[in-house]
Amino acid sequence: MGEDGAGACSAAAQEHLPAAWQDAEVSCTDEGLVWKARVSVDVPVFFPGFDAGWRVDGAAGAAKEGEEG
């Protein structure tokens, strides 16, 4: 595959985001037996032209496959 785990996690998170969310911040961390992805996006993505000054955050994890944790 040629990618490290964090790079693969980040790429997978971006792949599953809608086109309007592609500017979201994505970070991935190794948490033992899972990779945990965290995504943050500014509210104007949902309400263009309106700056509420807050962000929406989400997190998800995926079990490591084919790796020893």
PDB file of N, CA and C in Angstrom:
ATOM      1  N   MET A   1       0.834  -1.182   0.000  1.00  0.00           N
ATOM      2  CA  MET A   1       0.000   0.000   0.000  1.00  0.00           C
ATOM      3  C   MET A   1       0.880   1.247   0.000  1.00  0.00           C
ATOM      4  N   GLY A   2       2.013   1.247   0.688  1.00  0.00           N
ATOM      5  CA  GLY A   2       2.949   2.343   0.630  1.00  0.00           C
ATOM      6  C   GLY A   2       2.628   3.533   1.522  1.00  0.00           C
ATOM      7  N   GLU A   3       1.485   3.524   2.208  1.00  0.00           N
ATOM      8  CA  GLU A   3       1.135   4.629   3.088  1.00  0.00           C
ATOM      9  C   GLU A   3       1.276   4.185   4.531  1.00  0.00           C
ATOM     10  N   ASP A   4       1.666   5.142   5.389  1.00  0.00           N
ATOM     11  CA  ASP A   4       1.646   4.818   6.800  1.00  0.00           C
ATOM     12  C   ASP A   4       0.197   4.797   7.270  1.00  0.00           C
ATOM     13  N   GLY A   5      -0.041   4.289   8.468  1.00  0.00           N
ATOM     14  CA  GLY A   5      -1.402   4.167   8.971  1.00  0.00           C
ATOM     15  C   GLY A   5      -2.130   5.494   9.086  1.00  0.00           C
ATOM     16  N   ALA A   6      -1.456   6.525   9.600  1.00  0.00           N
ATOM     17  CA  ALA A   6      -2.090   7.834   9.759  1.00  0.00           C
ATOM     18  C   ALA A   6      -2.459   8.427   8.402  1.00  0.00           C
ATOM     19  N   GLY A   7      -1.592   8.256   7.411  1.00  0.00           N
ATOM     20  CA  GLY A   7      -1.876   8.760   6.068  1.00  0.00           C
ATOM     21  C   GLY A   7      -3.060   8.045   5.437  1.00  0.00           C
ATOM     22  N   ALA A   8      -3.125   6.736   5.624  1.00  0.00           N
ATOM     23  CA  ALA A   8      -4.245   5.957   5.083  1.00  0.00           C
ATOM     24  C   ALA A   8      -5.549   6.347   5.781  1.00  0.00           C
ATOM     25  N   CYS A   9      -5.484   6.561   7.083  1.00  0.00           N
ATOM     26  CA  CYS A   9      -6.665   6.967   7.851  1.00  0.00           C
ATOM     27  C   CYS A   9      -7.174   8.321   7.370  1.00  0.00           C
ATOM     28  N   SER A  10      -6.269   9.268   7.223  1.00  0.00           N
ATOM     29  CA  SER A  10      -6.643  10.617   6.773  1.00  0.00           C
ATOM     30  C   SER A  10      -7.231  10.590   5.368  1.00  0.00           C
ATOM     31  N   ALA A  11      -6.608   9.819   4.477  1.00  0.00           N
ATOM     32  CA  ALA A  11      -7.105   9.705   3.104  1.00  0.00           C
ATOM     33  C   ALA A  11      -8.508   9.095   3.084  1.00  0.00           C
ATOM     34  N   ALA A  12      -8.743   8.082   3.920  1.00  0.00           N
ATOM     35  CA  ALA A  12     -10.059   7.445   3.978  1.00  0.00           C
ATOM     36  C   ALA A  12     -11.107   8.412   4.513  1.00  0.00           C
ATOM     37  N   ALA A  13     -10.734   9.202   5.522  1.00  0.00           N
ATOM     38  CA  ALA A  13     -11.682  10.183   6.076  1.00  0.00           C
ATOM     39  C   ALA A  13     -12.068  11.208   5.009  1.00  0.00           C
ATOM     40  N   GLN A  14     -11.085  11.745   4.292  1.00  0.00           N
ATOM     41  CA  GLN A  14     -11.356  12.727   3.237  1.00  0.00           C
ATOM     42  C   GLN A  14     -12.221  12.122   2.135  1.00  0.00           C
ATOM     43  N   GLU A  15     -11.960  10.866   1.809  1.00  0.00           N
ATOM     44  CA  GLU A  15     -12.707  10.195   0.741  1.00  0.00           C
ATOM     45  C   GLU A  15     -14.201  10.114   1.064  1.00  0.00           C
ATOM     46  N   HIS A  16     -14.521   9.994   2.336  1.00  0.00           N
ATOM     47  CA  HIS A  16     -15.919   9.814   2.732  1.00  0.00           C
ATOM     48  C   HIS A  16     -16.622  11.116   3.122  1.00  0.00           C
ATOM     49  N   LEU A  17     -15.941  12.254   2.958  1.00  0.00           N
ATOM     50  CA  LEU A  17     -16.574  13.548   3.227  1.00  0.00           C
ATOM     51  C   LEU A  17     -17.247  14.077   1.965  1.00  0.00           C
ATOM     52  N   PRO A  18     -18.395  14.741   2.116  1.00  0.00           N
ATOM     53  CA  PRO A  18     -19.033  15.361   0.955  1.00  0.00           C
ATOM     54  C   PRO A  18     -18.125  16.432   0.345  1.00  0.00           C
ATOM     55  N   ALA A  19     -18.335  16.771  -0.898  1.00  0.00           N
ATOM     56  CA  ALA A  19     -17.502  17.754  -1.596  1.00  0.00           C
ATOM     57  C   ALA A  19     -17.437  19.086  -0.852  1.00  0.00           C
ATOM     58  N   ALA A  20     -18.532  19.536  -0.257  1.00  0.00           N
ATOM     59  CA  ALA A  20     -18.567  20.811   0.457  1.00  0.00           C
ATOM     60  C   ALA A  20     -17.716  20.796   1.723  1.00  0.00           C
ATOM     61  N   TRP A  21     -17.333  19.619   2.196  1.00  0.00           N
ATOM     62  CA  TRP A  21     -16.566  19.498   3.438  1.00  0.00           C
ATOM     63  C   TRP A  21     -15.074  19.290   3.201  1.00  0.00           C
ATOM     64  N   GLN A  22     -14.603  19.367   1.976  1.00  0.00           N
ATOM     65  CA  GLN A  22     -13.210  19.036   1.691  1.00  0.00           C
ATOM     66  C   GLN A  22     -12.200  19.968   2.367  1.00  0.00           C
ATOM     67  N   ASP A  23     -12.633  21.128   2.863  1.00  0.00           N
ATOM     68  CA  ASP A  23     -11.732  22.013   3.608  1.00  0.00           C
ATOM     69  C   ASP A  23     -11.701  21.677   5.094  1.00  0.00           C
ATOM     70  N   ALA A  24     -12.380  20.621   5.494  1.00  0.00           N
ATOM     71  CA  ALA A  24     -12.409  20.225   6.904  1.00  0.00           C
ATOM     72  C   ALA A  24     -11.016  19.818   7.372  1.00  0.00           C
ATOM     73  N   GLU A  25     -10.765  20.019   8.662  1.00  0.00           N
ATOM     74  CA  GLU A  25      -9.517  19.559   9.258  1.00  0.00           C
ATOM     75  C   GLU A  25      -9.696  18.099   9.653  1.00  0.00           C
ATOM     76  N   VAL A  26      -8.770  17.257   9.221  1.00  0.00           N
ATOM     77  CA  VAL A  26      -8.826  15.835   9.539  1.00  0.00           C
ATOM     78  C   VAL A  26      -7.531  15.458  10.239  1.00  0.00           C
ATOM     79  N   SER A  27      -7.653  14.783  11.388  1.00  0.00           N
ATOM     80  CA  SER A  27      -6.464  14.270  12.064  1.00  0.00           C
ATOM     81  C   SER A  27      -6.725  12.824  12.456  1.00  0.00           C
ATOM     82  N   CYS A  28      -5.684  12.029  12.424  1.00  0.00           N
ATOM     83  CA  CYS A  28      -5.796  10.615  12.772  1.00  0.00           C
ATOM     84  C   CYS A  28      -4.736  10.248  13.797  1.00  0.00           C
ATOM     85  N   THR A  29      -5.136   9.447  14.776  1.00  0.00           N
ATOM     86  CA  THR A  29      -4.194   9.000  15.799  1.00  0.00           C
ATOM     87  C   THR A  29      -4.297   7.493  15.984  1.00  0.00           C
ATOM     88  N   ASP A  30      -3.173   6.907  16.336  1.00  0.00           N
ATOM     89  CA  ASP A  30      -3.081   5.480  16.632  1.00  0.00           C
ATOM     90  C   ASP A  30      -3.488   5.302  18.091  1.00  0.00           C
ATOM     91  N   GLU A  31      -4.594   4.589  18.312  1.00  0.00           N
ATOM     92  CA  GLU A  31      -5.071   4.388  19.674  1.00  0.00           C
ATOM     93  C   GLU A  31      -5.100   2.903  20.020  1.00  0.00           C
ATOM     94  N   GLY A  32      -3.965   2.252  19.816  1.00  0.00           N
ATOM     95  CA  GLY A  32      -3.846   0.835  20.167  1.00  0.00           C
ATOM     96  C   GLY A  32      -4.364  -0.064  19.067  1.00  0.00           C
ATOM     97  N   LEU A  33      -5.560  -0.593  19.241  1.00  0.00           N
ATOM     98  CA  LEU A  33      -6.130  -1.529  18.270  1.00  0.00           C
ATOM     99  C   LEU A  33      -6.953  -0.843  17.192  1.00  0.00           C
ATOM    100  N   VAL A  34      -7.099   0.486  17.281  1.00  0.00           N
ATOM    101  CA  VAL A  34      -7.881   1.228  16.291  1.00  0.00           C
ATOM    102  C   VAL A  34      -7.146   2.490  15.850  1.00  0.00           C
ATOM    103  N   TRP A  35      -7.496   2.954  14.651  1.00  0.00           N
ATOM    104  CA  TRP A  35      -7.114   4.287  14.185  1.00  0.00           C
ATOM    105  C   TRP A  35      -8.313   5.175  14.442  1.00  0.00           C
ATOM    106  N   LYS A  36      -8.107   6.319  15.069  1.00  0.00           N
ATOM    107  CA  LYS A  36      -9.205   7.237  15.368  1.00  0.00           C
ATOM    108  C   LYS A  36      -9.059   8.483  14.518  1.00  0.00           C
ATOM    109  N   ALA A  37     -10.115   8.793  13.762  1.00  0.00           N
ATOM    110  CA  ALA A  37     -10.144   9.988  12.915  1.00  0.00           C
ATOM    111  C   ALA A  37     -11.018  11.038  13.592  1.00  0.00           C
ATOM    112  N   ARG A  38     -10.527  12.281  13.588  1.00  0.00           N
ATOM    113  CA  ARG A  38     -11.291  13.413  14.097  1.00  0.00           C
ATOM    114  C   ARG A  38     -11.427  14.428  12.968  1.00  0.00           C
ATOM    115  N   VAL A  39     -12.644  14.925  12.778  1.00  0.00           N
ATOM    116  CA  VAL A  39     -12.928  15.870  11.700  1.00  0.00           C
ATOM    117  C   VAL A  39     -13.581  17.104  12.305  1.00  0.00           C
ATOM    118  N   SER A  40     -13.093  18.294  11.916  1.00  0.00           N
ATOM    119  CA  SER A  40     -13.689  19.564  12.355  1.00  0.00           C
ATOM    120  C   SER A  40     -13.962  20.412  11.124  1.00  0.00           C
ATOM    121  N   VAL A  41     -15.148  21.033  11.092  1.00  0.00           N
ATOM    122  CA  VAL A  41     -15.526  21.866   9.956  1.00  0.00           C
ATOM    123  C   VAL A  41     -16.237  23.112  10.482  1.00  0.00           C
ATOM    124  N   ASP A  42     -15.963  24.264   9.869  1.00  0.00           N
ATOM    125  CA  ASP A  42     -16.610  25.507  10.256  1.00  0.00           C
ATOM    126  C   ASP A  42     -18.066  25.522   9.816  1.00  0.00           C
ATOM    127  N   VAL A  43     -18.926  26.159  10.585  1.00  0.00           N
ATOM    128  CA  VAL A  43     -20.355  26.222  10.305  1.00  0.00           C
ATOM    129  C   VAL A  43     -20.694  26.838   8.948  1.00  0.00           C
ATOM    130  N   PRO A  44     -19.969  27.842   8.434  1.00  0.00           N
ATOM    131  CA  PRO A  44     -20.355  28.393   7.129  1.00  0.00           C
ATOM    132  C   PRO A  44     -20.488  27.356   6.016  1.00  0.00           C
ATOM    133  N   VAL A  45     -19.905  26.171   6.185  1.00  0.00           N
ATOM    134  CA  VAL A  45     -20.107  25.104   5.206  1.00  0.00           C
ATOM    135  C   VAL A  45     -21.599  24.770   5.130  1.00  0.00           C
ATOM    136  N   PHE A  46     -22.277  24.842   6.270  1.00  0.00           N
ATOM    137  CA  PHE A  46     -23.695  24.514   6.325  1.00  0.00           C
ATOM    138  C   PHE A  46     -24.583  25.706   5.971  1.00  0.00           C
ATOM    139  N   PHE A  47     -24.134  26.911   6.317  1.00  0.00           N
ATOM    140  CA  PHE A  47     -24.902  28.137   6.105  1.00  0.00           C
ATOM    141  C   PHE A  47     -24.016  29.171   5.417  1.00  0.00           C
ATOM    142  N   PRO A  48     -23.817  29.094   4.114  1.00  0.00           N
ATOM    143  CA  PRO A  48     -22.919  30.013   3.411  1.00  0.00           C
ATOM    144  C   PRO A  48     -23.265  31.479   3.686  1.00  0.00           C
ATOM    145  N   GLY A  49     -22.224  32.274   3.924  1.00  0.00           N
ATOM    146  CA  GLY A  49     -22.394  33.701   4.158  1.00  0.00           C
ATOM    147  C   GLY A  49     -22.749  34.055   5.589  1.00  0.00           C
ATOM    148  N   PHE A  50     -22.941  33.059   6.430  1.00  0.00           N
ATOM    149  CA  PHE A  50     -23.300  33.291   7.829  1.00  0.00           C
ATOM    150  C   PHE A  50     -22.188  32.738   8.705  1.00  0.00           C
ATOM    151  N   ASP A  51     -21.538  33.600   9.484  1.00  0.00           N
ATOM    152  CA  ASP A  51     -20.449  33.157  10.356  1.00  0.00           C
ATOM    153  C   ASP A  51     -20.933  33.117  11.798  1.00  0.00           C
ATOM    154  N   ALA A  52     -21.287  31.948  12.255  1.00  0.00           N
ATOM    155  CA  ALA A  52     -21.765  31.783  13.625  1.00  0.00           C
ATOM    156  C   ALA A  52     -20.605  31.706  14.607  1.00  0.00           C
ATOM    157  N   GLY A  53     -19.387  31.504  14.096  1.00  0.00           N
ATOM    158  CA  GLY A  53     -18.213  31.428  14.955  1.00  0.00           C
ATOM    159  C   GLY A  53     -18.061  30.118  15.702  1.00  0.00           C
ATOM    160  N   TRP A  54     -18.657  29.053  15.211  1.00  0.00           N
ATOM    161  CA  TRP A  54     -18.467  27.764  15.853  1.00  0.00           C
ATOM    162  C   TRP A  54     -18.204  26.679  14.826  1.00  0.00           C
ATOM    163  N   ARG A  55     -17.732  25.566  15.323  1.00  0.00           N
ATOM    164  CA  ARG A  55     -17.337  24.441  14.483  1.00  0.00           C
ATOM    165  C   ARG A  55     -18.153  23.203  14.839  1.00  0.00           C
ATOM    166  N   VAL A  56     -18.247  22.308  13.891  1.00  0.00           N
ATOM    167  CA  VAL A  56     -18.853  21.005  14.123  1.00  0.00           C
ATOM    168  C   VAL A  56     -17.713  19.992  14.130  1.00  0.00           C
ATOM    169  N   ASP A  57     -17.679  19.163  15.160  1.00  0.00           N
ATOM    170  CA  ASP A  57     -16.625  18.160  15.312  1.00  0.00           C
ATOM    171  C   ASP A  57     -17.227  16.773  15.299  1.00  0.00           C
ATOM    172  N   GLY A  58     -16.503  15.847  14.715  1.00  0.00           N
ATOM    173  CA  GLY A  58     -16.932  14.451  14.704  1.00  0.00           C
ATOM    174  C   GLY A  58     -15.734  13.539  14.867  1.00  0.00           C
ATOM    175  N   ALA A  59     -15.967  12.331  15.316  1.00  0.00           N
ATOM    176  CA  ALA A  59     -14.890  11.367  15.494  1.00  0.00           C
ATOM    177  C   ALA A  59     -15.402   9.978  15.151  1.00  0.00           C
ATOM    178  N   ALA A  60     -14.500   9.157  14.636  1.00  0.00           N
ATOM    179  CA  ALA A  60     -14.836   7.764  14.323  1.00  0.00           C
ATOM    180  C   ALA A  60     -13.578   6.934  14.431  1.00  0.00           C
ATOM    181  N   GLY A  61     -13.742   5.660  14.667  1.00  0.00           N
ATOM    182  CA  GLY A  61     -12.600   4.766  14.769  1.00  0.00           C
ATOM    183  C   GLY A  61     -12.778   3.567  13.862  1.00  0.00           C
ATOM    184  N   ALA A  62     -11.655   3.007  13.454  1.00  0.00           N
ATOM    185  CA  ALA A  62     -11.675   1.803  12.622  1.00  0.00           C
ATOM    186  C   ALA A  62     -10.629   0.826  13.156  1.00  0.00           C
ATOM    187  N   ALA A  63     -11.031  -0.416  13.289  1.00  0.00           N
ATOM    188  CA  ALA A  63     -10.106  -1.443  13.781  1.00  0.00           C
ATOM    189  C   ALA A  63      -8.967  -1.623  12.802  1.00  0.00           C
ATOM    190  N   LYS A  64      -7.778  -1.839  13.338  1.00  0.00           N
ATOM    191  CA  LYS A  64      -6.621  -2.115  12.485  1.00  0.00           C
ATOM    192  C   LYS A  64      -6.793  -3.510  11.893  1.00  0.00           C
ATOM    193  N   GLU A  65      -6.521  -3.638  10.629  1.00  0.00           N
ATOM    194  CA  GLU A  65      -6.596  -4.931   9.965  1.00  0.00           C
ATOM    195  C   GLU A  65      -5.241  -5.274   9.408  1.00  0.00           C
ATOM    196  N   GLY A  66      -4.783  -6.447   9.672  1.00  0.00           N
ATOM    197  CA  GLY A  66      -3.503  -6.885   9.138  1.00  0.00           C
ATOM    198  C   GLY A  66      -2.317  -6.248   9.830  1.00  0.00           C
ATOM    199  N   GLU A  67      -2.531  -5.638  10.978  1.00  0.00           N
ATOM    200  CA  GLU A  67      -1.451  -5.038  11.761  1.00  0.00           C
ATOM    201  C   GLU A  67      -1.486  -5.616  13.157  1.00  0.00           C
ATOM    202  N   GLU A  68      -0.352  -5.614  13.793  1.00  0.00           N
ATOM    203  CA  GLU A  68      -0.325  -5.959  15.212  1.00  0.00           C
ATOM    204  C   GLU A  68      -0.438  -4.665  15.983  1.00  0.00           C
ATOM    205  N   GLY A  69      -1.405  -4.553  16.898  1.00  0.00           N
ATOM    206  CA  GLY A  69      -1.637  -3.332  17.664  1.00  0.00           C
ATOM    207  C   GLY A  69      -0.890  -3.348  18.909  1.00  0.00           C
TER     208      GLY A  69
END
